[in-house]
Protein backbone atom coordinates (compact mmCIF):
# COMPACT_ATOMS: atom_id res chain seq x y z
CA UNK A 1 14.60 38.86 -2.64
CA UNK A 2 13.39 37.88 -6.13
CA UNK A 3 10.43 35.58 -6.61
CA UNK A 4 11.14 32.29 -8.45
CA UNK A 5 9.03 31.08 -11.34
CA UNK A 6 10.00 27.51 -10.60
CA UNK A 7 7.02 25.48 -9.41
CA UNK A 8 9.28 23.29 -7.28
CA UNK A 9 10.80 26.38 -5.64
CA UNK A 10 7.34 27.83 -4.95
CA UNK A 11 6.25 24.53 -3.44
CA UNK A 12 9.39 24.55 -1.32
CA UNK A 13 8.57 28.04 -0.01
CA UNK A 14 5.04 26.94 0.89
CA UNK A 15 6.25 23.87 2.75
CA UNK A 16 8.99 25.92 4.39
CA UNK A 17 6.40 28.45 5.63
CA UNK A 18 4.41 25.60 7.14
CA UNK A 19 7.46 24.20 8.91
CA UNK A 20 8.66 27.58 10.23
CA UNK A 21 5.17 28.37 11.52
CA UNK A 22 5.19 25.06 13.37
CA UNK A 23 8.51 25.76 15.07
CA UNK A 24 7.55 29.35 15.92
CA UNK A 25 4.47 28.02 17.68
CA UNK A 26 6.67 25.66 19.68
CA UNK A 27 8.87 28.65 20.56
CA UNK A 28 5.83 30.63 21.74
CA UNK A 29 4.75 27.82 24.03
CA UNK A 30 8.30 27.59 25.33
CA UNK A 31 8.36 31.31 26.09
CA UNK A 32 5.64 30.74 28.71
CA UNK A 33 8.47 29.88 31.09
CA UNK A 34 9.73 33.45 30.69
CA UNK A 35 7.47 34.52 33.57
CA UNK A 36 8.74 31.85 36.00
CA UNK A 37 12.33 32.55 34.90
CA UNK A 38 12.00 36.27 35.70
CA UNK A 39 10.29 35.38 38.98
CA UNK A 40 13.31 33.26 39.86
CA UNK A 41 15.51 36.26 39.03
CA UNK A 42 13.42 38.38 41.40
CA UNK A 43 13.80 35.81 44.15
CA UNK A 44 17.58 35.74 43.94
CA UNK A 45 17.72 39.53 43.77
CA UNK A 46 18.65 39.89 40.11
CA UNK A 47 15.54 41.94 39.27
CA UNK A 48 14.74 44.55 41.89
CA UNK A 49 12.11 46.68 40.19
CA UNK A 50 9.88 43.92 38.80
CA UNK A 51 6.87 42.42 40.58
CA UNK A 52 5.70 38.83 40.65
CA UNK A 53 2.45 40.05 39.14
CA UNK A 54 4.38 41.13 36.06
CA UNK A 55 5.82 37.63 35.77
CA UNK A 56 2.34 36.15 35.94
CA UNK A 57 1.02 38.59 33.35
CA UNK A 58 3.89 37.75 30.99
CA UNK A 59 3.11 34.01 31.17
CA UNK A 60 -0.63 34.56 30.66
CA UNK A 61 0.04 36.94 27.78
CA UNK A 62 2.37 34.48 26.06
CA UNK A 63 -0.09 31.63 26.64
CA UNK A 64 -2.85 33.59 24.92
CA UNK A 65 -0.60 34.47 21.97
CA UNK A 66 0.59 30.87 21.62
CA UNK A 67 -2.99 29.58 21.71
CA UNK A 68 -4.17 32.03 19.05
CA UNK A 69 -1.21 31.14 16.84
CA UNK A 70 -1.91 27.43 17.38
CA UNK A 71 -5.49 27.90 16.17
CA UNK A 72 -4.25 29.82 13.13
CA UNK A 73 -1.70 27.09 12.51
CA UNK A 74 -4.37 24.40 12.52
CA UNK A 75 -6.59 26.30 10.10
CA UNK A 76 -3.96 27.54 7.66
CA UNK A 77 -0.41 26.37 8.45
CA UNK A 78 0.99 27.58 5.10
CA UNK A 79 -0.26 31.17 5.38
CA UNK A 80 2.21 34.04 5.67
CA UNK A 81 -0.38 35.75 7.92
CA UNK A 82 0.13 32.96 10.43
CA UNK A 83 3.86 33.65 10.34
CA UNK A 84 3.35 37.41 10.63
CA UNK A 85 1.20 36.88 13.72
CA UNK A 86 3.93 34.81 15.39
CA UNK A 87 6.54 37.50 14.72
CA UNK A 88 4.12 40.19 15.91
CA UNK A 89 3.48 38.16 19.08
CA UNK A 90 7.20 38.01 19.81
CA UNK A 91 7.55 41.76 19.29
CA UNK A 92 4.54 42.39 21.53
CA UNK A 93 6.15 40.27 24.23
CA UNK A 94 9.34 42.33 23.96
CA UNK A 95 7.35 45.57 24.26
CA UNK A 96 5.60 44.37 27.38
CA UNK A 97 8.81 43.11 28.95
CA UNK A 98 10.60 46.37 28.15
CA UNK A 99 7.70 48.34 29.58
CA UNK A 100 8.00 46.19 32.71
CA UNK A 101 11.69 47.15 32.91
CA UNK A 102 13.09 43.73 31.96
CA UNK A 103 16.28 44.71 30.16
CA UNK A 104 16.62 42.41 27.11
CA UNK A 105 17.72 44.85 24.41
CA UNK A 106 19.62 42.24 22.43
CA UNK A 107 16.40 40.26 21.84
CA UNK A 108 14.85 43.02 19.71
CA UNK A 109 16.94 41.98 16.74
CA UNK A 110 16.12 38.30 17.00
CA UNK A 111 12.65 38.81 15.51
CA UNK A 112 13.88 40.19 12.14
CA UNK A 113 16.49 37.44 12.06
CA UNK A 114 13.79 34.81 12.67
CA UNK A 115 11.77 36.28 9.80
CA UNK A 116 14.59 35.30 7.43
CA UNK A 117 13.59 31.67 7.93
CA UNK A 118 10.47 32.25 5.82
CA UNK A 119 12.60 33.29 2.81
CA UNK A 120 9.82 35.74 1.97
CA UNK A 121 10.54 39.42 1.36
CA UNK A 122 7.02 40.51 2.43
CA UNK A 123 7.42 38.91 5.84
CA UNK A 124 10.95 40.25 6.18
CA UNK A 125 10.01 43.86 5.39
CA UNK A 126 7.00 43.62 7.70
CA UNK A 127 9.15 42.22 10.50
CA UNK A 128 11.89 44.84 10.23
CA UNK A 129 9.39 47.71 9.99
CA UNK A 130 7.23 46.52 12.88
CA UNK A 131 10.26 45.75 14.97
CA UNK A 132 11.67 49.26 14.53
CA UNK A 133 8.30 50.96 15.15
CA UNK A 134 7.69 49.00 18.35
CA UNK A 135 11.28 49.47 19.46
CA UNK A 136 10.94 53.23 18.84
CA UNK A 137 7.65 53.36 20.80
CA UNK A 138 8.97 51.20 23.62
CA UNK A 139 12.07 53.35 24.12
CA UNK A 140 9.94 56.52 24.05
CA UNK A 141 7.54 55.18 26.68
CA UNK A 142 10.25 53.91 29.02
CA UNK A 143 12.62 56.87 28.56
CA UNK A 144 11.35 58.79 31.65
CA UNK A 145 11.88 55.76 33.86
CA UNK A 146 15.36 54.88 32.69
CA UNK A 147 16.46 58.54 32.54
CA UNK A 148 15.46 58.97 36.18
CA UNK A 149 17.49 55.90 37.09
CA UNK A 150 20.68 57.40 35.66
CA UNK A 151 22.57 60.58 36.52
CA UNK A 152 24.02 60.63 33.02
CA UNK A 153 20.80 61.92 31.44
CA UNK A 154 19.26 65.23 32.41
CA UNK A 155 16.08 64.77 30.41
CA UNK A 156 14.14 61.69 29.20
CA UNK A 157 14.60 63.02 25.67
CA UNK A 158 18.38 62.72 26.06
CA UNK A 159 17.99 59.08 27.03
CA UNK A 160 15.59 58.49 24.13
CA UNK A 161 17.94 60.05 21.57
CA UNK A 162 20.91 58.09 22.85
CA UNK A 163 19.19 54.71 22.89
CA UNK A 164 17.13 55.03 19.72
CA UNK A 165 20.15 56.35 17.85
CA UNK A 166 22.07 53.21 18.71
CA UNK A 167 19.09 51.04 17.81
CA UNK A 168 18.70 52.84 14.48
CA UNK A 169 22.34 52.28 13.54
CA UNK A 170 22.06 48.63 14.56
CA UNK A 171 18.86 48.28 12.50
CA UNK A 172 20.57 49.60 9.37
CA UNK A 173 23.50 47.26 9.96
CA UNK A 174 21.00 44.42 10.40
CA UNK A 175 19.20 45.31 7.17
CA UNK A 176 22.44 45.47 5.21
CA UNK A 177 23.73 42.18 6.61
CA UNK A 178 20.45 40.30 6.18
CA UNK A 179 20.03 41.65 2.65
CA UNK A 180 23.29 39.98 1.67
CA UNK A 181 22.30 36.80 3.50
CA UNK A 182 18.86 36.73 1.87
CA UNK A 183 20.26 37.34 -1.60
CA UNK A 184 22.89 34.64 -1.27
CA UNK A 185 20.42 32.17 0.22
CA UNK A 186 17.82 32.85 -2.46
CA UNK A 187 20.34 32.42 -5.28
CA UNK A 188 21.66 29.26 -3.67
CA UNK A 189 18.24 27.64 -3.38
CA UNK A 190 17.26 28.69 -6.90
CA UNK A 191 20.46 27.14 -8.17
CA UNK A 192 19.72 23.93 -6.29
CA UNK A 193 16.22 23.68 -7.73
CA UNK A 194 17.52 24.43 -11.20
CA UNK A 195 19.98 21.56 -10.86
CA UNK A 196 17.19 19.41 -9.47
CA UNK A 197 15.04 20.12 -12.54
CA UNK A 198 17.93 19.21 -14.83
CA UNK A 199 18.60 16.00 -12.96
CA UNK A 200 14.91 15.06 -13.04
CA UNK A 201 14.69 15.57 -16.78
CA UNK A 202 17.85 13.54 -17.29
CA UNK A 203 16.54 10.74 -15.08
CA UNK A 204 13.22 10.74 -16.94
CA UNK A 205 15.01 10.46 -20.28
CA UNK A 206 17.24 7.67 -18.99
CA UNK A 207 14.28 5.85 -17.48
CA UNK A 208 12.43 5.99 -20.76
CA UNK A 209 15.43 4.54 -22.58
CA UNK A 210 15.90 1.83 -19.96
CA UNK A 211 12.21 0.90 -20.12
CA UNK A 212 12.45 0.49 -23.88
CA UNK A 213 15.65 -1.55 -23.57
CA UNK A 214 14.11 -3.72 -20.88
CA UNK A 215 11.06 -4.28 -23.04
CA UNK A 216 13.31 -5.41 -25.88
CA UNK A 217 14.72 -8.16 -23.74
CA UNK A 218 14.99 -11.63 -25.24
CA UNK A 219 12.36 -12.96 -22.85
CA UNK A 220 9.70 -11.60 -25.20
CA UNK A 221 8.59 -13.26 -28.41
CA UNK A 222 7.20 -10.03 -29.85
CA UNK A 223 8.04 -6.43 -28.93
CA UNK A 224 6.21 -3.48 -30.48
CA UNK A 225 6.32 0.22 -29.66
CA UNK A 226 2.87 1.82 -29.90
CA UNK A 227 2.93 5.62 -30.14
CA UNK A 228 -0.40 7.31 -29.37
CA UNK A 229 0.97 10.74 -30.23
CA UNK A 230 1.40 10.01 -33.93
CA UNK A 231 -0.74 6.80 -33.90
CA UNK A 232 1.93 4.41 -35.10
CA UNK A 233 3.16 0.91 -34.30
CA UNK A 234 6.76 -0.23 -34.75
CA UNK A 235 8.36 -3.61 -34.15
CA UNK A 236 11.55 -3.27 -32.13
CA UNK A 237 12.61 -6.71 -33.25
CA UNK A 238 12.83 -5.81 -36.92
CA UNK A 239 16.12 -4.31 -38.07
CA UNK A 240 14.45 -1.61 -40.19
CA UNK A 241 12.11 -0.57 -37.36
CA UNK A 242 9.57 0.77 -39.81
CA UNK A 243 6.54 2.54 -38.36
CA UNK A 244 3.06 1.34 -39.34
CA UNK A 245 0.16 3.75 -39.11
CA UNK A 246 -2.83 3.03 -36.86
CA UNK A 247 -6.27 4.26 -37.92
CA UNK A 248 -7.80 4.96 -34.51
CA UNK A 249 -11.23 5.52 -36.05
CA UNK A 250 -11.59 2.32 -38.07
CA UNK A 251 -8.93 0.02 -36.58
CA UNK A 252 -9.36 -1.84 -33.29
CA UNK A 253 -6.46 -4.30 -33.69
CA UNK A 254 -2.84 -3.51 -34.54
CA UNK A 255 -0.99 -5.49 -37.19
CA UNK A 256 0.68 -7.71 -34.56
CA UNK A 257 -2.63 -8.60 -32.92
CA UNK A 258 -4.32 -9.24 -36.25
CA UNK A 259 -1.66 -11.89 -36.81
CA UNK A 260 -1.81 -13.32 -33.28
CA UNK A 261 -5.61 -13.59 -33.28
CA UNK A 262 -5.39 -16.20 -36.06
CA UNK A 263 -3.83 -18.68 -33.58
CA UNK A 264 -5.79 -17.86 -30.39
CA UNK A 265 -8.13 -20.61 -29.20
CA UNK A 266 -11.68 -19.92 -30.43
CA UNK A 267 -13.20 -19.79 -26.93
CA UNK A 268 -10.67 -17.07 -25.95
CA UNK A 269 -10.70 -15.05 -29.16
CA UNK A 270 -13.36 -12.57 -28.00
CA UNK A 271 -11.49 -11.88 -24.74
CA UNK A 272 -8.22 -11.50 -26.66
CA UNK A 273 -9.71 -8.92 -29.01
CA UNK A 274 -11.22 -7.06 -26.08
CA UNK A 275 -7.88 -6.93 -24.23
CA UNK A 276 -5.93 -5.84 -27.33
CA UNK A 277 -8.49 -3.28 -28.53
CA UNK A 278 -6.18 -0.37 -29.37
CA UNK A 279 -9.00 2.16 -28.91
CA UNK A 280 -9.32 1.38 -25.19
CA UNK A 281 -5.69 0.67 -24.25
CA UNK A 282 -4.89 4.25 -23.14
CA UNK A 283 -7.92 4.43 -20.85
CA UNK A 284 -7.23 1.02 -19.32
CA UNK A 285 -3.54 1.78 -18.85
CA UNK A 286 -4.13 5.26 -17.38
CA UNK A 287 -2.28 5.75 -14.06
CA UNK A 288 -0.81 2.25 -14.46
CA UNK A 289 2.58 0.87 -15.40
CA UNK A 290 1.41 -2.39 -16.90
CA UNK A 291 -1.65 -4.45 -17.80
CA UNK A 292 -1.48 -8.09 -18.87
CA UNK A 293 -3.61 -11.11 -19.70
CA UNK A 294 -2.95 -14.77 -20.56
CA UNK A 295 -4.31 -16.61 -23.59
CA UNK A 296 -3.78 -19.94 -25.36
CA UNK A 297 -2.11 -20.26 -28.72
CA UNK A 298 -3.48 -23.31 -30.55
CA UNK A 299 0.06 -24.39 -31.49
CA UNK A 300 2.46 -23.12 -28.82
CA UNK A 301 0.23 -23.12 -25.74
CA UNK A 302 -0.17 -20.33 -23.19
CA UNK A 303 1.21 -16.86 -23.92
CA UNK A 304 1.09 -13.59 -21.97
CA UNK A 305 0.22 -10.29 -23.65
CA UNK A 306 1.34 -7.08 -21.90
CA UNK A 307 1.07 -3.33 -22.40
CA UNK A 308 3.83 -1.42 -20.58
CA UNK A 309 3.83 2.37 -20.19
CA UNK A 310 7.11 4.04 -21.16
CA UNK A 311 5.94 7.64 -21.47
CA UNK A 312 2.84 9.38 -20.13
CA UNK A 313 1.28 12.79 -19.59
CA UNK A 314 1.28 14.60 -16.26
CA UNK A 315 -2.18 13.09 -15.69
CA UNK A 316 -0.82 9.58 -16.12
CA UNK A 317 -2.31 8.93 -19.57
CA UNK A 318 0.17 6.90 -21.66
CA UNK A 319 1.64 8.50 -24.77
CA UNK A 320 3.85 5.58 -25.70
CA UNK A 321 3.59 1.93 -24.66
CA UNK A 322 5.49 -1.25 -25.33
CA UNK A 323 3.31 -4.18 -26.37
CA UNK A 324 4.89 -7.58 -25.78
CA UNK A 325 3.97 -11.25 -25.94
CA UNK A 326 5.83 -14.07 -24.23
CA UNK A 327 5.28 -17.83 -24.11
CA UNK A 328 4.36 -18.89 -20.56
CA UNK A 329 3.19 -22.43 -21.30
CA UNK A 330 5.78 -24.01 -19.00
CA UNK A 331 4.93 -21.55 -16.24
CA UNK A 332 1.23 -22.39 -16.58
CA UNK A 333 1.98 -26.09 -16.44
CA UNK A 334 3.93 -25.57 -13.23
CA UNK A 335 1.00 -23.63 -11.79
CA UNK A 336 -1.40 -26.41 -12.72
CA UNK A 337 0.97 -28.95 -11.19
CA UNK A 338 1.17 -26.99 -7.93
CA UNK A 339 -2.60 -26.64 -7.82
CA UNK A 340 -2.96 -30.36 -8.43
CA UNK A 341 -0.49 -31.09 -5.62
CA UNK A 342 -2.33 -28.76 -3.23
CA UNK A 343 -5.58 -30.68 -3.88
CA UNK A 344 -4.08 -34.20 -3.73
CA UNK A 345 -3.39 -36.51 -0.80
CA UNK A 346 0.30 -37.37 -0.83
CA UNK A 347 -0.02 -41.01 0.30
CA UNK A 348 -2.95 -42.23 -1.78
CA UNK A 349 -2.91 -39.73 -4.69
CA UNK A 350 -6.62 -39.26 -4.11
CA UNK A 351 -8.14 -35.82 -3.80
CA UNK A 352 -7.63 -34.38 -0.30
CA UNK A 353 -9.84 -32.73 2.31
CA UNK A 354 -9.27 -29.26 0.88
CA UNK A 355 -10.46 -30.36 -2.56
CA UNK A 356 -13.46 -32.08 -0.95
CA UNK A 357 -14.50 -28.90 0.88
CA UNK A 358 -14.09 -26.79 -2.27
CA UNK A 359 -16.21 -29.21 -4.29
CA UNK A 360 -18.91 -29.28 -1.59
CA UNK A 361 -19.03 -25.50 -1.69
CA UNK A 362 -19.74 -25.67 -5.42
CA UNK A 363 -22.53 -28.20 -4.87
CA UNK A 364 -24.05 -25.93 -2.23
CA UNK A 365 -24.55 -23.20 -4.84
CA UNK A 366 -27.32 -24.92 -6.78
CA UNK A 367 -29.77 -27.84 -6.93
CA UNK A 368 -28.36 -31.36 -6.89
CA UNK A 369 -28.86 -33.75 -9.79
CA UNK A 370 -31.24 -36.69 -9.30
CA UNK A 371 -28.35 -39.17 -9.69
CA UNK A 372 -26.12 -37.37 -7.16
CA UNK A 373 -24.76 -39.77 -4.51
CA UNK A 374 -22.32 -39.33 -1.61
CA UNK A 375 -20.34 -42.28 -0.23
CA UNK A 376 -18.70 -42.43 3.19
CA UNK A 377 -16.05 -45.16 3.58
CA UNK A 378 -13.92 -46.20 6.54
CA UNK A 379 -11.23 -48.91 6.91
CA UNK A 380 -12.10 -51.56 9.52
CA UNK A 381 -9.52 -52.72 12.04
CA UNK A 382 -6.84 -50.21 11.10
CA UNK A 383 -5.86 -49.54 14.72
CA UNK A 384 -5.33 -53.23 15.42
CA UNK A 385 -3.11 -53.57 12.34
CA UNK A 386 -1.09 -50.51 13.37
CA UNK A 387 -0.68 -51.85 16.92
CA UNK A 388 0.23 -55.43 15.94
CA UNK A 389 1.97 -55.11 12.57
CA UNK A 390 3.16 -51.51 12.56
CA UNK A 391 2.26 -48.36 10.71
CA UNK A 392 3.78 -49.63 7.48
CA UNK A 393 1.10 -52.32 7.37
CA UNK A 394 -1.50 -49.72 8.32
CA UNK A 395 -0.39 -47.45 5.48
CA UNK A 396 -0.64 -50.42 3.14
CA UNK A 397 -4.29 -50.87 4.15
CA UNK A 398 -5.04 -47.20 3.49
CA UNK A 399 -3.43 -47.37 0.05
CA UNK A 400 -5.29 -50.58 -0.66
CA UNK A 401 -8.59 -48.96 0.27
CA UNK A 402 -7.79 -46.00 -2.01
CA UNK A 403 -7.10 -48.36 -4.93
CA UNK A 404 -10.30 -50.31 -4.37
CA UNK A 405 -12.38 -47.11 -4.25
CA UNK A 406 -10.74 -45.68 -7.35
CA UNK A 407 -11.37 -48.85 -9.35
CA UNK A 408 -14.95 -49.20 -8.16
CA UNK A 409 -15.93 -45.56 -8.69
CA UNK A 410 -14.15 -45.23 -12.03
CA UNK A 411 -15.47 -42.39 -14.16
CA UNK A 412 -18.63 -42.02 -12.12
CA UNK A 413 -17.15 -39.42 -9.76
CA UNK A 414 -14.29 -38.35 -7.48
CA UNK A 415 -12.78 -40.06 -4.45
CA UNK A 416 -11.30 -38.08 -1.51
CA UNK A 417 -9.21 -39.05 1.49
CA UNK A 418 -10.70 -36.82 4.19
CA UNK A 419 -8.94 -38.26 7.25
CA UNK A 420 -6.56 -41.01 8.41
CA UNK A 421 -8.68 -43.98 7.30
CA UNK A 422 -11.73 -41.99 6.20
CA UNK A 423 -12.78 -41.55 2.59
CA UNK A 424 -15.58 -39.76 0.81
CA UNK A 425 -16.76 -40.15 -2.76
CA UNK A 426 -19.09 -37.98 -4.81
CA UNK A 427 -20.71 -39.84 -7.67
CA UNK A 428 -23.37 -39.52 -10.29
CA UNK A 429 -25.03 -42.92 -10.61
CA UNK A 430 -28.52 -44.38 -10.66
CA UNK A 431 -27.38 -47.58 -8.97
CA UNK A 432 -25.38 -46.71 -5.82
CA UNK A 433 -25.97 -50.15 -4.31
CA UNK A 434 -24.07 -51.69 -7.19
CA UNK A 435 -21.16 -49.32 -6.51
CA UNK A 436 -21.16 -50.34 -2.86
CA UNK A 437 -21.06 -54.02 -3.78
CA UNK A 438 -18.23 -53.31 -6.22
CA UNK A 439 -16.22 -51.52 -3.51
CA UNK A 440 -16.63 -54.44 -1.10
CA UNK A 441 -15.84 -56.97 -3.80
CA UNK A 442 -12.60 -55.14 -4.65
CA UNK A 443 -11.70 -55.07 -0.95
CA UNK A 444 -12.45 -58.79 -0.51
CA UNK A 445 -10.09 -59.67 -3.36
CA UNK A 446 -7.28 -57.39 -2.18
CA UNK A 447 -4.09 -58.86 -0.73
CA UNK A 448 -1.14 -56.95 0.61
CA UNK A 449 2.44 -57.71 1.61
CA UNK A 450 1.93 -57.22 5.35
CA UNK A 451 -1.69 -58.29 5.66
CA UNK A 452 -4.10 -60.26 3.52
CA UNK A 453 -7.39 -58.85 4.75
CA UNK A 454 -9.03 -55.53 3.88
CA UNK A 455 -12.60 -54.76 4.90
CA UNK A 456 -14.37 -51.47 4.39
CA UNK A 457 -17.50 -50.02 5.97
CA UNK A 458 -19.40 -48.31 3.17
CA UNK A 459 -22.38 -45.98 3.55
CA UNK A 460 -24.07 -43.79 1.02
CA UNK A 461 -26.85 -41.24 0.57
CA UNK A 462 -28.55 -40.67 -2.76
CA UNK A 463 -30.67 -37.71 -3.81
CA UNK A 464 -33.18 -40.15 -5.28
CA UNK A 465 -33.76 -41.61 -1.78
CA UNK A 466 -33.56 -38.28 0.07
CA UNK A 467 -35.49 -35.71 -1.90
CA UNK A 468 -34.88 -32.04 -1.09
CA UNK A 469 -31.83 -32.89 1.07
CA UNK A 470 -28.85 -30.56 0.96
CA UNK A 471 -25.34 -31.78 0.27
CA UNK A 472 -24.50 -31.39 3.98
CA UNK A 473 -27.52 -33.44 4.98
CA UNK A 474 -26.55 -36.14 2.48
CA UNK A 475 -23.06 -36.19 3.99
CA UNK A 476 -24.49 -36.85 7.45
CA UNK A 477 -26.80 -39.56 6.12
CA UNK A 478 -23.90 -41.27 4.33
CA UNK A 479 -21.80 -41.13 7.53
CA UNK A 480 -24.63 -42.58 9.58
CA UNK A 481 -25.08 -45.41 7.06
CA UNK A 482 -21.34 -46.13 7.15
CA UNK A 483 -21.31 -46.32 10.96
CA UNK A 484 -24.22 -48.77 10.88
CA UNK A 485 -22.10 -51.02 8.66
CA UNK A 486 -19.09 -50.57 10.95
CA UNK A 487 -21.13 -51.51 14.02
CA UNK A 488 -22.42 -54.59 12.19
CA UNK A 489 -18.85 -55.56 11.22
CA UNK A 490 -17.57 -55.40 14.79
CA UNK A 491 -20.67 -57.17 16.11
CA UNK A 492 -20.22 -60.03 13.63
CA UNK A 493 -16.55 -60.25 14.64
CA UNK A 494 -17.48 -60.24 18.30
CA UNK A 495 -15.26 -57.23 18.96
CA UNK A 496 -16.20 -54.74 21.64
CA UNK A 497 -15.15 -51.43 20.02
CA UNK A 498 -14.93 -49.52 23.28
CA UNK A 499 -12.10 -51.81 24.34
């Protein structure tokens, strides 16, 4: 059984040893039922010269062996010593059973056969040798008993010679047969792993070619191959595909990036040069397939720069990478549009509750400006309009309120629809009372298709009037002020709100 130099084959043998050890341990635990099985044979009269005590001893003995092997398996499942112990345990069990006059001669040869599963010549030689030695000793010890049980043998030595002679011939036959099996199996597995290595190399070469071809796809505006082995850069778009040298000591930007940097927005230029620094690309791309970043071209808008690994060392450090750029301005605009939609109320086109909460979170992070003001606004009589004129008229009121707020607030801040007929506004103004009057004035002059009247309850809270108040406290103050106005409105109208 020749040893293979293939790393994959060696790894296979190690994993195989672990798996065989596991199954041998299961077999040892299973053999605990040997005692009860023999006891059943005694009960039905099959075994006449065996005691129940022997059955008990066999089960206890096997349990101890299985437990020891289990402990060895937990500590070192890949060790050949663990496998040798399991085979030794099986042989020891056979010796004890033979000594106890349980005739199971055929089982002696199962242990060397089981050793073939390890595909290890050391274990196989050990198993065959131990098996024959124990078989020899067992026959010698039990010869007097079995000779006395038969009239065919005059002396125990006659019995011993007869039995051990047969066992010896069978052992040689076993060795010859298993040698052929082992040789064929070993050659077969080595051939498989050799084919596996060839296939892996072919797949790696094909993958490299496919990666390069994929990187040359028309979706990219620029495609360059950067080779860190010979420190060169080559455009895959140019027909001549001429390599340009890279001075890794003095050069931080490749020729492509030197050209691109001329069009990058000034506020992003430093980040662009940091991302495209050729001296740090290998370290940043180590153990990775791709790294990318987005920047703005002053003329063409957003573009995405990417480094893609196409060949690397065993440690995952890239040897060759594809550097690409692609215009993603339309994609970015779609993203911005989706973000804008997610932060906008569909009916009024005002900012929604989510945007309001996100903005409040920002204001919670630091001190508020002296001209910071929060407005709380609610539509009066919306329920009555919905009940008498329908929800279309009610929606018209809500849209009208949104328009009035937007016009009154103008560039002073942001307006949010935070509920059905509830609005909030965050402003920066030194005259919030003027803004409130403007909101009411806009509402007084509003006229709709379904209803002519729009009245709003408007409350506000200014930092200038509430020093040291947090944004949450200002929100509560603005709400309270709004509800005071709402109560006054219903009182002036003579409407009992609880009804």
